[in-house]
Protein backbone atom coordinates (compact mmCIF):
# COMPACT_ATOMS: atom_id res chain seq x y z
CA MET A 1 38.51 36.68 21.37
CA GLY A 2 36.72 35.44 24.46
CA TRP A 3 37.19 38.76 26.23
CA VAL A 4 35.73 40.70 23.29
CA LEU A 5 32.74 38.39 23.02
CA GLY A 6 32.20 38.29 26.78
CA ASP A 7 30.36 41.61 26.70
CA GLN A 8 27.23 41.78 24.54
CA ASP A 9 27.59 45.45 23.59
CA ARG A 10 31.25 45.00 22.66
CA ALA A 11 30.48 41.82 20.71
CA GLU A 12 27.70 43.54 18.79
CA ARG A 13 30.01 46.47 18.01
CA LEU A 14 32.67 44.04 16.73
CA LEU A 15 30.15 42.35 14.45
CA ALA A 16 28.78 45.66 13.19
CA LEU A 17 32.20 47.14 12.48
CA THR A 18 33.70 44.04 10.86
CA GLY A 19 30.64 42.85 8.97
CA LEU A 20 31.02 39.42 10.54
CA THR A 21 28.03 37.36 11.58
CA PRO A 22 27.97 35.01 14.56
CA GLU A 23 28.05 32.12 12.08
CA SER A 24 31.05 33.41 10.14
CA LEU A 25 32.81 34.16 13.40
CA ARG A 26 32.38 30.55 14.55
CA GLU A 27 33.51 29.20 11.16
CA ARG A 28 36.69 31.31 11.15
CA LEU A 29 37.82 30.96 14.77
CA GLY A 30 41.21 29.53 13.81
CA ASP A 31 41.80 32.01 10.99
CA PRO A 32 44.75 34.39 11.61
CA ALA A 33 42.97 37.04 9.52
CA LEU A 34 40.05 36.93 11.95
CA MET A 35 42.39 37.34 14.90
CA GLY A 36 43.96 40.29 13.08
CA ALA A 37 40.51 41.84 12.63
CA VAL A 38 39.75 41.40 16.33
CA LEU A 39 43.06 42.98 17.26
CA ASP A 40 42.38 45.82 14.80
CA PHE A 41 39.06 46.31 16.57
CA LEU A 42 40.78 46.49 19.96
CA CYS A 43 43.54 48.79 18.76
CA ALA A 44 40.95 51.18 17.31
CA HIS A 45 39.28 51.52 20.73
CA GLU A 46 41.93 52.39 23.29
CA ARG A 47 39.61 51.84 26.26
CA ASP A 48 38.90 48.27 25.07
CA LEU A 49 42.58 47.69 24.26
CA VAL A 50 43.64 48.70 27.77
CA ALA A 51 40.84 46.70 29.41
CA ALA A 52 41.67 43.59 27.35
CA ALA A 53 45.35 43.92 28.19
CA GLU A 54 44.52 44.23 31.89
CA ALA A 55 42.27 41.16 31.71
CA LEU A 56 45.08 39.21 30.02
CA ASP A 57 47.69 40.66 32.37
CA VAL A 58 49.88 41.97 29.53
CA PRO A 59 50.87 45.49 28.48
CA PRO A 60 48.64 46.90 25.71
CA GLN A 61 51.69 47.02 23.45
CA VAL A 62 51.77 43.21 23.44
CA LEU A 63 48.34 43.16 21.79
CA ALA A 64 49.32 45.93 19.37
CA ASN A 65 52.49 44.01 18.43
CA ALA A 66 50.47 40.83 17.86
CA ARG A 67 48.19 42.79 15.55
CA GLU A 68 51.17 44.05 13.57
CA ARG A 69 52.54 40.53 13.17
CA LEU A 70 49.17 39.17 11.98
CA VAL A 71 48.35 41.89 9.47
CA SER A 72 51.85 42.18 7.99
């Protein structure tokens, strides 16, 4: 989540695409559904997925697998 929100353009795109507001984002930080939405966002944008995986030092598939576990 921190990586996504660390870039203003990316954060604004996340909010626009998910319909979240900064307030609702703060309120739902511990919500697995929110984490699933963030991972959906990353998986829909391969460049962001790869960059996030590099920043976290994990293969992109790890993030994609986490998304699958959260949304199943």
